[in-house]
């Protein structure tokens, strides 16, 4: 693999590498990775590993804590040496804990700490998955090398998030403004992908070729048709497979998880000799095992929270309108955006500002009815088709539509709400708290903004009737008022 430092680097990579050299922090990760790679290449000499671990008191303490936990009956609270630790938990877990602690120790008082914690959890899962896949399907290759390769798969994203946080904030803003994927927004903002940044850092650290190759940008478009028969090919394909699976489990909306998992497994089926059912069991097992080990480490983020946070960062607004509906027509005074694109942009802004789990844009339908036509957040594509209030039964949604009011429901299971929440909402939507904000013009209800939280929340988010929200509501009312036929045409097309 060519040395990127010998050719002209993109400005962002040169700036990142210079910043890494000027400031302490994650740059120390390079030395840790080099040490671990060297130990692996030397067949994991127990004495050298013990010596390396004992140089780090925090790592020593965590490994002893894990080995003495109830998950390892052999420990039974009697493990007191690193030799015993290695015998009980193995080198793979030792490496994962070492790398994760190296990352974690650099994060005190950083505004992006929560996001970085979540990225470390994703990396931890990816490393465990790579080791397991190699152990089961690539027994001729080193599961320990696979573990390190898997752990490094989001290296570029992590380092950029740590050192160039303002640039990442620009990426998030562009995602919201233009409804882009994270990768699309990163390339527009930085000029390169996070994957390319990861490769450049690995080369800068002079990591082994095998590890550098495993970080190569994802350019494989056609399923590999030959089995990987060399270590270099195996680790590169295994790492790419684990990167894609990690993206599905941590960055893709939950409603697409099952089908996309199947697609990824099928894509690498021949090259990695995968068994579909068995791989699904391995993936679920790695999620549970990663969560358990992180808990034993007292890590500040669990798997479930990491998946929610990273999915939110990758969300895009979706709608279910056809090309014939008035909101998708370019009739906004010559603007390049269609009305629905403007609606989706505003929904993303609202979604991020109030940290909703799911945000939907709804229109009145029939007599006191309501339909969602666009959304962003938790299973937005699915929930947009589920929020359908109709019929004659007196429920909370009919009350809101009839009275044209704003309402915050702190807990759907508390009186007086419980009897007014329809069964379809509890079964199909399932959020415990939600907000509904009516868009009213000249006494007429034009639409409703719906935002929810999966768990009950005692107080409504602040600023729902002023400031930014007032601007967003006014803009949505303007969009709906542009064509007085909008509501009728869309509700007819949906119903």
Protein backbone atom coordinates (compact mmCIF):
# COMPACT_ATOMS: atom_id res chain seq x y z
CA UNK A 1 0.00 0.00 0.00
CA UNK A 2 1.39 3.41 -0.98
CA UNK A 3 2.58 5.91 1.59
CA UNK A 4 0.09 8.77 1.58
CA UNK A 5 2.63 11.10 3.19
CA UNK A 6 4.78 10.86 0.07
CA UNK A 7 2.11 12.50 -2.10
CA UNK A 8 0.05 15.64 -1.79
CA UNK A 9 -2.43 15.22 1.07
CA UNK A 10 -5.87 16.82 1.15
CA UNK A 11 -5.75 19.96 3.31
CA UNK A 12 -8.08 18.53 5.96
CA UNK A 13 -5.81 15.49 6.52
CA UNK A 14 -2.68 17.66 6.77
CA UNK A 15 -4.48 19.92 9.25
CA UNK A 16 -5.72 16.96 11.31
CA UNK A 17 -2.28 15.32 11.50
CA UNK A 18 -0.69 18.63 12.50
CA UNK A 19 -3.35 19.13 15.19
CA UNK A 20 -2.73 15.61 16.47
CA UNK A 21 0.95 16.47 16.81
CA UNK A 22 0.28 19.76 18.59
CA UNK A 23 -2.23 18.51 21.13
CA UNK A 24 -2.25 15.52 23.51
CA UNK A 25 -5.17 13.12 23.41
CA UNK A 26 -6.09 10.39 20.98
CA UNK A 27 -2.70 10.64 19.25
CA UNK A 28 -1.44 8.35 22.02
CA UNK A 29 -3.71 5.65 20.60
CA UNK A 30 -1.19 5.07 17.80
CA UNK A 31 1.47 3.83 20.22
CA UNK A 32 -1.03 1.55 21.95
CA UNK A 33 -2.12 0.02 18.64
CA UNK A 34 1.49 -0.45 17.55
CA UNK A 35 2.30 -2.23 20.83
CA UNK A 36 -0.70 -4.53 20.55
CA UNK A 37 0.02 -5.31 16.89
CA UNK A 38 3.61 -6.18 17.81
CA UNK A 39 2.44 -8.52 20.57
CA UNK A 40 0.05 -10.23 18.17
CA UNK A 41 2.76 -10.68 15.56
CA UNK A 42 4.95 -12.26 18.22
CA UNK A 43 2.19 -14.80 18.95
CA UNK A 44 1.08 -13.02 22.07
CA UNK A 45 4.01 -13.75 24.35
CA UNK A 46 2.41 -13.94 27.78
CA UNK A 47 5.36 -12.28 29.57
CA UNK A 48 5.42 -9.29 27.20
CA UNK A 49 1.65 -8.84 27.44
CA UNK A 50 1.78 -8.97 31.23
CA UNK A 51 4.60 -6.43 31.28
CA UNK A 52 2.69 -4.13 28.94
CA UNK A 53 -0.53 -4.32 30.94
CA UNK A 54 1.22 -3.74 34.26
CA UNK A 55 2.60 -0.42 32.99
CA UNK A 56 -0.97 0.91 33.03
CA UNK A 57 -2.58 0.83 36.52
CA UNK A 58 -6.04 1.74 35.18
CA UNK A 59 -5.94 -1.07 32.63
CA UNK A 60 -4.67 -3.52 35.25
CA UNK A 61 -7.53 -2.61 37.60
CA UNK A 62 -10.19 -2.93 34.92
CA UNK A 63 -8.93 -6.31 33.70
CA UNK A 64 -8.86 -7.66 37.25
CA UNK A 65 -12.40 -6.34 37.78
CA UNK A 66 -13.66 -8.10 34.64
CA UNK A 67 -11.91 -11.39 35.38
CA UNK A 68 -13.40 -11.47 38.89
CA UNK A 69 -16.94 -10.75 37.68
CA UNK A 70 -19.73 -13.30 37.85
CA UNK A 71 -19.54 -13.84 34.08
CA UNK A 72 -16.31 -15.80 34.55
CA UNK A 73 -16.99 -18.60 37.07
CA UNK A 74 -13.33 -19.63 36.92
CA UNK A 75 -12.45 -16.29 38.49
CA UNK A 76 -14.84 -16.58 41.41
CA UNK A 77 -13.37 -13.45 42.95
CA UNK A 78 -9.92 -15.02 43.34
CA UNK A 79 -8.04 -13.55 40.34
CA UNK A 80 -5.12 -11.43 41.52
CA UNK A 81 -2.52 -11.57 38.73
CA UNK A 82 -2.50 -10.56 35.06
CA UNK A 83 -1.33 -14.08 34.15
CA UNK A 84 -4.60 -15.37 35.61
CA UNK A 85 -6.55 -12.63 33.84
CA UNK A 86 -5.17 -13.66 30.44
CA UNK A 87 -5.95 -17.30 31.12
CA UNK A 88 -9.56 -16.49 32.03
CA UNK A 89 -10.69 -13.69 29.70
CA UNK A 90 -8.28 -14.23 26.80
CA UNK A 91 -6.15 -11.90 24.70
CA UNK A 92 -9.02 -10.67 22.52
CA UNK A 93 -10.94 -9.15 25.43
CA UNK A 94 -7.70 -7.81 26.88
CA UNK A 95 -6.96 -5.97 23.62
CA UNK A 96 -10.47 -4.55 23.34
CA UNK A 97 -10.37 -3.23 26.89
CA UNK A 98 -6.88 -1.75 26.39
CA UNK A 99 -7.80 0.15 23.25
CA UNK A 100 -11.14 1.33 24.62
CA UNK A 101 -9.55 2.65 27.82
CA UNK A 102 -6.90 4.47 25.78
CA UNK A 103 -9.70 6.23 23.94
CA UNK A 104 -11.80 6.85 27.03
CA UNK A 105 -8.97 8.39 29.07
CA UNK A 106 -8.73 11.26 26.56
CA UNK A 107 -12.34 12.40 26.81
CA UNK A 108 -12.71 14.35 30.02
CA UNK A 109 -14.77 17.54 29.72
CA UNK A 110 -15.11 17.38 25.94
CA UNK A 111 -18.40 18.72 24.51
CA UNK A 112 -18.42 15.81 22.07
CA UNK A 113 -17.81 13.19 24.78
CA UNK A 114 -21.19 11.46 24.45
CA UNK A 115 -20.80 11.09 20.71
CA UNK A 116 -17.26 9.77 21.14
CA UNK A 117 -18.37 7.32 23.83
CA UNK A 118 -20.95 5.97 21.38
CA UNK A 119 -18.32 5.67 18.63
CA UNK A 120 -16.06 3.71 20.98
CA UNK A 121 -18.94 1.32 21.74
CA UNK A 122 -19.44 0.80 17.98
CA UNK A 123 -15.71 0.15 17.59
CA UNK A 124 -15.77 -2.31 20.48
CA UNK A 125 -18.63 -4.22 18.84
CA UNK A 126 -16.89 -4.22 15.46
CA UNK A 127 -13.72 -5.65 16.98
CA UNK A 128 -15.58 -8.40 18.81
CA UNK A 129 -17.51 -9.27 15.65
CA UNK A 130 -14.33 -9.45 13.54
CA UNK A 131 -12.71 -11.79 16.05
CA UNK A 132 -15.77 -14.06 16.21
CA UNK A 133 -16.22 -14.21 12.42
CA UNK A 134 -12.55 -15.06 12.00
CA UNK A 135 -12.65 -17.69 14.74
CA UNK A 136 -15.68 -19.42 13.17
CA UNK A 137 -15.08 -18.99 9.43
CA UNK A 138 -11.39 -18.15 9.11
CA UNK A 139 -9.69 -20.51 11.50
CA UNK A 140 -6.45 -20.30 9.49
CA UNK A 141 -6.14 -16.61 10.30
CA UNK A 142 -5.48 -14.72 13.52
CA UNK A 143 -8.62 -13.74 15.44
CA UNK A 144 -6.42 -11.37 17.45
CA UNK A 145 -5.34 -9.50 14.32
CA UNK A 146 -8.96 -9.42 13.21
CA UNK A 147 -9.95 -7.92 16.56
CA UNK A 148 -7.53 -5.01 16.16
CA UNK A 149 -8.62 -4.43 12.55
CA UNK A 150 -12.28 -4.42 13.58
CA UNK A 151 -11.67 -2.01 16.47
CA UNK A 152 -10.06 0.52 14.10
CA UNK A 153 -12.85 0.64 11.50
CA UNK A 154 -14.22 4.05 12.57
CA UNK A 155 -10.78 5.52 13.34
CA UNK A 156 -11.19 8.43 10.91
CA UNK A 157 -14.57 9.42 12.30
CA UNK A 158 -13.34 9.21 15.89
CA UNK A 159 -10.19 11.26 15.31
CA UNK A 160 -12.07 13.91 13.33
CA UNK A 161 -14.73 14.13 16.02
CA UNK A 162 -12.07 14.54 18.71
CA UNK A 163 -9.72 17.01 17.01
CA UNK A 164 -11.92 18.83 14.48
CA UNK A 165 -15.22 19.08 16.32
CA UNK A 166 -16.19 22.37 14.64
CA UNK A 167 -15.87 20.69 11.24
CA UNK A 168 -18.07 17.83 12.42
CA UNK A 169 -20.64 20.38 13.59
CA UNK A 170 -20.57 21.86 10.07
CA UNK A 171 -21.20 18.37 8.70
CA UNK A 172 -24.22 17.95 11.01
CA UNK A 173 -25.56 21.35 9.97
CA UNK A 174 -25.20 20.50 6.27
CA UNK A 175 -26.94 17.16 6.87
CA UNK A 176 -29.89 19.02 8.34
CA UNK A 177 -29.96 21.83 5.82
CA UNK A 178 -29.80 19.59 2.73
CA UNK A 179 -31.16 16.31 4.15
CA UNK A 180 -27.94 14.46 3.26
CA UNK A 181 -26.36 11.27 4.52
CA UNK A 182 -23.44 11.71 6.91
CA UNK A 183 -20.97 10.54 4.24
CA UNK A 184 -22.36 12.94 1.63
CA UNK A 185 -22.15 15.85 4.06
CA UNK A 186 -18.63 14.85 5.18
CA UNK A 187 -17.29 14.80 1.62
CA UNK A 188 -18.89 18.16 0.84
CA UNK A 189 -17.49 19.69 4.04
CA UNK A 190 -14.07 18.04 4.34
CA UNK A 191 -13.34 17.02 0.76
CA UNK A 192 -12.70 13.42 1.86
CA UNK A 193 -14.59 10.65 3.62
CA UNK A 194 -14.01 9.55 7.21
CA UNK A 195 -12.67 6.27 5.81
CA UNK A 196 -9.97 8.09 3.81
CA UNK A 197 -9.00 10.02 6.93
CA UNK A 198 -8.68 6.74 8.84
CA UNK A 199 -6.31 5.31 6.22
CA UNK A 200 -4.17 8.47 6.28
CA UNK A 201 -3.86 8.31 10.07
CA UNK A 202 -2.92 4.61 9.99
CA UNK A 203 -0.19 5.43 7.47
CA UNK A 204 0.98 8.38 9.54
CA UNK A 205 1.28 6.09 12.55
CA UNK A 206 3.11 3.55 10.36
CA UNK A 207 0.80 0.74 11.43
CA UNK A 208 1.27 -2.70 9.84
CA UNK A 209 0.23 -3.08 6.19
CA UNK A 210 -2.45 -5.59 7.14
CA UNK A 211 -4.13 -3.04 9.40
CA UNK A 212 -3.78 -0.24 6.85
CA UNK A 213 -5.40 -2.39 4.16
CA UNK A 214 -8.26 -3.29 6.49
CA UNK A 215 -9.14 0.42 6.74
CA UNK A 216 -9.38 0.97 2.97
CA UNK A 217 -12.44 2.98 1.81
CA UNK A 218 -15.48 0.88 0.97
CA UNK A 219 -15.32 0.62 -2.83
CA UNK A 220 -16.52 -2.98 -3.20
CA UNK A 221 -19.70 -2.73 -5.31
CA UNK A 222 -20.01 -6.33 -6.55
CA UNK A 223 -20.10 -9.33 -4.19
CA UNK A 224 -16.68 -11.06 -4.14
CA UNK A 225 -17.05 -14.40 -5.92
CA UNK A 226 -13.94 -16.14 -4.62
CA UNK A 227 -13.17 -17.21 -1.07
CA UNK A 228 -10.45 -15.26 0.70
CA UNK A 229 -7.44 -17.58 0.81
CA UNK A 230 -4.69 -15.24 2.03
CA UNK A 231 -4.44 -13.42 5.36
CA UNK A 232 -4.33 -9.98 3.70
CA UNK A 233 -7.48 -10.66 1.67
CA UNK A 234 -9.29 -12.29 4.58
CA UNK A 235 -8.70 -9.45 7.04
CA UNK A 236 -9.57 -6.78 4.47
CA UNK A 237 -12.88 -8.45 3.54
CA UNK A 238 -13.69 -9.44 7.12
CA UNK A 239 -13.05 -5.88 8.31
CA UNK A 240 -15.22 -4.43 5.53
CA UNK A 241 -18.00 -6.89 6.39
CA UNK A 242 -17.83 -5.91 10.08
CA UNK A 243 -17.79 -2.20 9.17
CA UNK A 244 -20.95 -2.64 7.12
CA UNK A 245 -22.66 -4.72 9.80
CA UNK A 246 -21.72 -2.14 12.45
CA UNK A 247 -23.20 0.62 10.29
CA UNK A 248 -26.45 -1.36 10.02
CA UNK A 249 -26.62 -2.01 13.76
CA UNK A 250 -25.53 1.47 14.90
CA UNK A 251 -26.31 3.95 12.11
CA UNK A 252 -29.25 2.66 10.08
CA UNK A 253 -32.83 3.22 11.13
CA UNK A 254 -34.17 0.28 13.08
CA UNK A 255 -36.96 -0.54 10.65
CA UNK A 256 -34.38 -1.39 7.95
CA UNK A 257 -32.13 -3.45 10.21
CA UNK A 258 -33.42 -6.94 9.41
CA UNK A 259 -33.41 -6.66 5.63
CA UNK A 260 -30.08 -4.81 5.48
CA UNK A 261 -28.41 -7.37 7.75
CA UNK A 262 -29.54 -10.10 5.37
CA UNK A 263 -28.25 -8.10 2.40
CA UNK A 264 -24.80 -7.58 3.96
CA UNK A 265 -24.46 -11.25 4.91
CA UNK A 266 -25.51 -12.33 1.43
CA UNK A 267 -23.01 -9.90 -0.14
CA UNK A 268 -20.04 -11.57 1.63
CA UNK A 269 -21.54 -15.06 1.71
CA UNK A 270 -19.07 -16.61 -0.77
CA UNK A 271 -15.91 -14.69 0.10
CA UNK A 272 -16.16 -15.33 3.86
CA UNK A 273 -18.03 -18.67 3.61
CA UNK A 274 -20.80 -17.39 5.87
CA UNK A 275 -23.78 -19.27 7.24
CA UNK A 276 -26.71 -16.82 7.32
CA UNK A 277 -28.48 -18.06 10.44
CA UNK A 278 -25.24 -18.58 12.33
CA UNK A 279 -23.97 -15.07 11.51
CA UNK A 280 -27.19 -13.52 12.83
CA UNK A 281 -26.64 -15.38 16.09
CA UNK A 282 -23.02 -14.18 16.20
CA UNK A 283 -24.09 -10.55 15.64
CA UNK A 284 -26.66 -10.69 18.45
CA UNK A 285 -24.19 -12.49 20.70
CA UNK A 286 -21.55 -9.81 20.06
CA UNK A 287 -24.03 -7.05 20.94
CA UNK A 288 -24.79 -8.75 24.26
CA UNK A 289 -21.16 -9.61 25.03
CA UNK A 290 -19.96 -6.10 24.19
CA UNK A 291 -22.62 -4.62 26.45
CA UNK A 292 -21.62 -6.94 29.31
CA UNK A 293 -17.89 -6.20 29.04
CA UNK A 294 -18.45 -2.45 28.76
CA UNK A 295 -20.65 -2.61 31.84
CA UNK A 296 -17.94 -4.48 33.74
CA UNK A 297 -15.52 -1.72 32.70
CA UNK A 298 -17.96 0.88 34.09
CA UNK A 299 -17.95 2.41 30.63
CA UNK A 300 -20.17 5.54 30.52
CA UNK A 301 -22.24 4.38 27.53
CA UNK A 302 -24.02 1.08 26.89
CA UNK A 303 -24.78 -0.55 23.54
CA UNK A 304 -28.43 0.49 23.44
CA UNK A 305 -27.70 4.16 24.15
CA UNK A 306 -24.86 4.18 21.61
CA UNK A 307 -27.13 2.78 18.90
CA UNK A 308 -29.80 5.40 19.60
CA UNK A 309 -27.30 8.27 19.59
CA UNK A 310 -25.47 7.23 16.42
CA UNK A 311 -28.70 6.47 14.59
CA UNK A 312 -29.96 9.94 15.43
CA UNK A 313 -26.78 11.45 13.99
CA UNK A 314 -27.37 9.56 10.72
CA UNK A 315 -31.09 10.20 10.30
CA UNK A 316 -32.64 11.71 7.21
CA UNK A 317 -36.15 13.06 6.77
CA UNK A 318 -38.49 10.90 4.69
CA UNK A 319 -41.91 11.41 3.16
CA UNK A 320 -44.52 9.20 1.50
CA UNK A 321 -45.90 11.57 -1.13
CA UNK A 322 -46.17 10.82 -4.86
CA UNK A 323 -44.87 13.04 -7.65
CA UNK A 324 -48.46 14.21 -8.27
CA UNK A 325 -48.97 15.71 -4.81
CA UNK A 326 -48.88 19.48 -4.59
CA UNK A 327 -46.20 19.58 -1.87
CA UNK A 328 -43.65 18.01 -4.21
CA UNK A 329 -44.23 20.57 -6.96
CA UNK A 330 -41.83 23.51 -7.37
CA UNK A 331 -44.30 26.30 -6.76
CA UNK A 332 -42.57 28.32 -4.04
CA UNK A 333 -41.84 31.51 -5.92
CA UNK A 334 -38.93 30.22 -7.98
CA UNK A 335 -37.04 28.56 -5.13
CA UNK A 336 -35.00 25.49 -6.04
CA UNK A 337 -36.66 23.53 -3.23
CA UNK A 338 -40.07 21.94 -3.45
CA UNK A 339 -42.48 22.58 -0.55
CA UNK A 340 -41.99 19.06 0.81
CA UNK A 341 -38.21 19.50 0.74
CA UNK A 342 -38.64 22.68 2.77
CA UNK A 343 -40.96 20.84 5.17
CA UNK A 344 -38.43 18.03 5.59
CA UNK A 345 -35.66 20.53 6.25
CA UNK A 346 -37.70 22.25 8.95
CA UNK A 347 -38.62 18.88 10.47
CA UNK A 348 -34.95 17.98 10.78
CA UNK A 349 -34.22 21.32 12.44
CA UNK A 350 -37.05 20.81 14.94
CA UNK A 351 -36.05 17.19 15.51
CA UNK A 352 -32.46 18.10 16.35
CA UNK A 353 -33.26 21.23 18.36
CA UNK A 354 -35.65 19.49 20.76
CA UNK A 355 -33.87 16.13 20.68
CA UNK A 356 -37.07 14.27 19.81
CA UNK A 357 -36.82 10.55 19.13
CA UNK A 358 -39.30 10.83 16.27
CA UNK A 359 -40.73 13.93 14.60
CA UNK A 360 -43.67 13.78 12.16
CA UNK A 361 -45.46 16.35 10.04
CA UNK A 362 -49.22 15.73 9.96
CA UNK A 363 -52.16 17.09 7.99
CA UNK A 364 -55.88 17.08 8.86
CA UNK A 365 -57.90 14.43 7.06
CA UNK A 366 -61.67 14.29 6.80
CA UNK A 367 -63.67 15.16 9.89
CA UNK A 368 -61.32 15.48 12.87
CA UNK A 369 -58.88 12.99 11.31
CA UNK A 370 -55.11 13.23 11.04
CA UNK A 371 -52.41 11.68 8.79
CA UNK A 372 -48.61 11.89 8.93
CA UNK A 373 -46.93 12.64 5.59
CA UNK A 374 -43.26 13.16 6.48
CA UNK A 375 -40.94 12.39 9.36
CA UNK A 376 -37.44 12.02 10.75
CA UNK A 377 -36.04 9.96 13.60
CA UNK A 378 -36.86 6.60 15.13
CA UNK A 379 -38.37 4.37 12.42
CA UNK A 380 -39.70 7.48 10.66
CA UNK A 381 -40.42 5.65 7.42
CA UNK A 382 -42.57 3.10 9.23
CA UNK A 383 -44.22 5.47 11.72
CA UNK A 384 -45.20 7.92 8.98
CA UNK A 385 -47.53 5.22 7.69
CA UNK A 386 -48.81 4.37 11.20
CA UNK A 387 -49.97 7.73 12.54
CA UNK A 388 -53.49 7.65 11.15
CA UNK A 389 -56.27 9.05 13.35
CA UNK A 390 -59.78 8.58 11.95
CA UNK A 391 -63.23 7.36 12.84
CA UNK A 392 -65.76 8.59 15.36
CA UNK A 393 -64.13 7.47 18.60
CA UNK A 394 -63.36 10.36 20.94
CA UNK A 395 -59.58 10.27 21.50
CA UNK A 396 -56.77 12.70 22.22
CA UNK A 397 -55.97 13.27 18.55
CA UNK A 398 -59.56 14.21 17.68
CA UNK A 399 -59.55 16.63 20.63
CA UNK A 400 -56.37 18.31 19.37
CA UNK A 401 -57.70 18.58 15.81
CA UNK A 402 -61.14 19.85 16.89
CA UNK A 403 -59.76 22.44 19.31
CA UNK A 404 -56.67 23.37 17.24
CA UNK A 405 -54.50 23.36 20.37
CA UNK A 406 -50.93 22.61 21.42
CA UNK A 407 -50.50 19.76 23.88
CA UNK A 408 -47.70 18.00 25.77
CA UNK A 409 -48.44 14.50 27.09
CA UNK A 410 -45.88 13.63 29.76
CA UNK A 411 -46.84 9.96 30.11
CA UNK A 412 -49.51 8.18 28.05
CA UNK A 413 -50.14 5.81 30.99
CA UNK A 414 -51.15 8.54 33.44
CA UNK A 415 -54.67 9.85 33.94
CA UNK A 416 -56.27 11.75 32.32
CA UNK A 417 -54.42 10.63 29.18
CA UNK A 418 -54.61 6.84 29.48
CA UNK A 419 -58.23 6.47 28.37
CA UNK A 420 -57.78 8.98 25.55
CA UNK A 421 -54.79 7.26 23.91
CA UNK A 422 -56.08 4.95 21.15
CA UNK A 423 -54.91 1.35 20.93
CA UNK A 424 -53.29 1.86 17.51
CA UNK A 425 -51.01 4.50 19.02
CA UNK A 426 -49.88 2.26 21.89
CA UNK A 427 -49.31 -0.69 19.55
CA UNK A 428 -47.84 1.01 16.48
CA UNK A 429 -46.13 4.20 17.76
CA UNK A 430 -45.42 3.33 21.40
CA UNK A 431 -43.75 6.55 22.59
CA UNK A 432 -44.38 7.38 26.25
CA UNK A 433 -44.28 11.20 25.91
CA UNK A 434 -45.20 13.38 22.96
CA UNK A 435 -45.83 16.95 21.87
CA UNK A 436 -48.37 18.14 19.30
CA UNK A 437 -48.24 21.71 17.97
CA UNK A 438 -51.08 22.97 15.81
CA UNK A 439 -50.42 25.11 12.72
CA UNK A 440 -53.38 27.49 12.50
CA UNK A 441 -54.06 30.29 10.02
CA UNK A 442 -57.17 32.50 10.19
CA UNK A 443 -58.86 29.99 12.46
CA UNK A 444 -58.19 27.05 10.12
CA UNK A 445 -56.03 24.05 11.10
CA UNK A 446 -53.48 23.51 8.33
CA UNK A 447 -51.24 20.91 9.95
CA UNK A 448 -49.69 19.57 13.15
CA UNK A 449 -46.10 19.02 14.27
CA UNK A 450 -45.70 15.81 16.27
CA UNK A 451 -42.56 15.08 18.33
CA UNK A 452 -42.07 12.24 20.79
CA UNK A 453 -39.78 10.66 23.37
CA UNK A 454 -39.56 6.89 23.80
CA UNK A 455 -39.46 7.23 27.59
CA UNK A 456 -41.76 9.30 29.79
CA UNK A 457 -40.59 12.86 30.32
CA UNK A 458 -41.89 14.97 33.21
CA UNK A 459 -41.60 18.36 31.53
CA UNK A 460 -42.14 19.65 28.03
CA UNK A 461 -39.05 20.86 26.15
CA UNK A 462 -38.55 24.60 26.55
CA UNK A 463 -39.20 27.12 23.80
CA UNK A 464 -42.14 25.43 22.05
CA UNK A 465 -44.09 28.68 21.62
CA UNK A 466 -41.31 31.20 21.00
CA UNK A 467 -37.97 31.84 19.33
CA UNK A 468 -36.88 29.31 16.72
CA UNK A 469 -40.03 27.24 16.99
CA UNK A 470 -42.16 30.29 16.31
CA UNK A 471 -40.12 30.94 13.14
CA UNK A 472 -40.42 27.31 12.02
CA UNK A 473 -44.16 27.21 12.63
CA UNK A 474 -44.64 30.45 10.69
CA UNK A 475 -42.64 29.01 7.78
CA UNK A 476 -44.70 25.82 7.72
CA UNK A 477 -47.92 27.83 7.76
CA UNK A 478 -46.60 29.90 4.86
CA UNK A 479 -45.80 26.73 2.88
CA UNK A 480 -49.26 25.28 3.48
CA UNK A 481 -50.94 28.59 2.63
CA UNK A 482 -49.13 28.83 -0.70
CA UNK A 483 -51.54 26.38 -2.27
CA UNK A 484 -54.93 26.23 -0.54
CA UNK A 485 -55.53 22.88 -2.30
CA UNK A 486 -52.50 21.26 -0.66
CA UNK A 487 -54.24 19.69 2.32
CA UNK A 488 -57.11 18.31 0.27
CA UNK A 489 -54.93 16.85 -2.49
CA UNK A 490 -52.51 15.17 -0.13
CA UNK A 491 -55.09 13.70 2.23
CA UNK A 492 -57.02 12.34 -0.74
CA UNK A 493 -53.89 10.68 -2.13
CA UNK A 494 -53.09 9.06 1.22
CA UNK A 495 -56.53 7.94 2.35
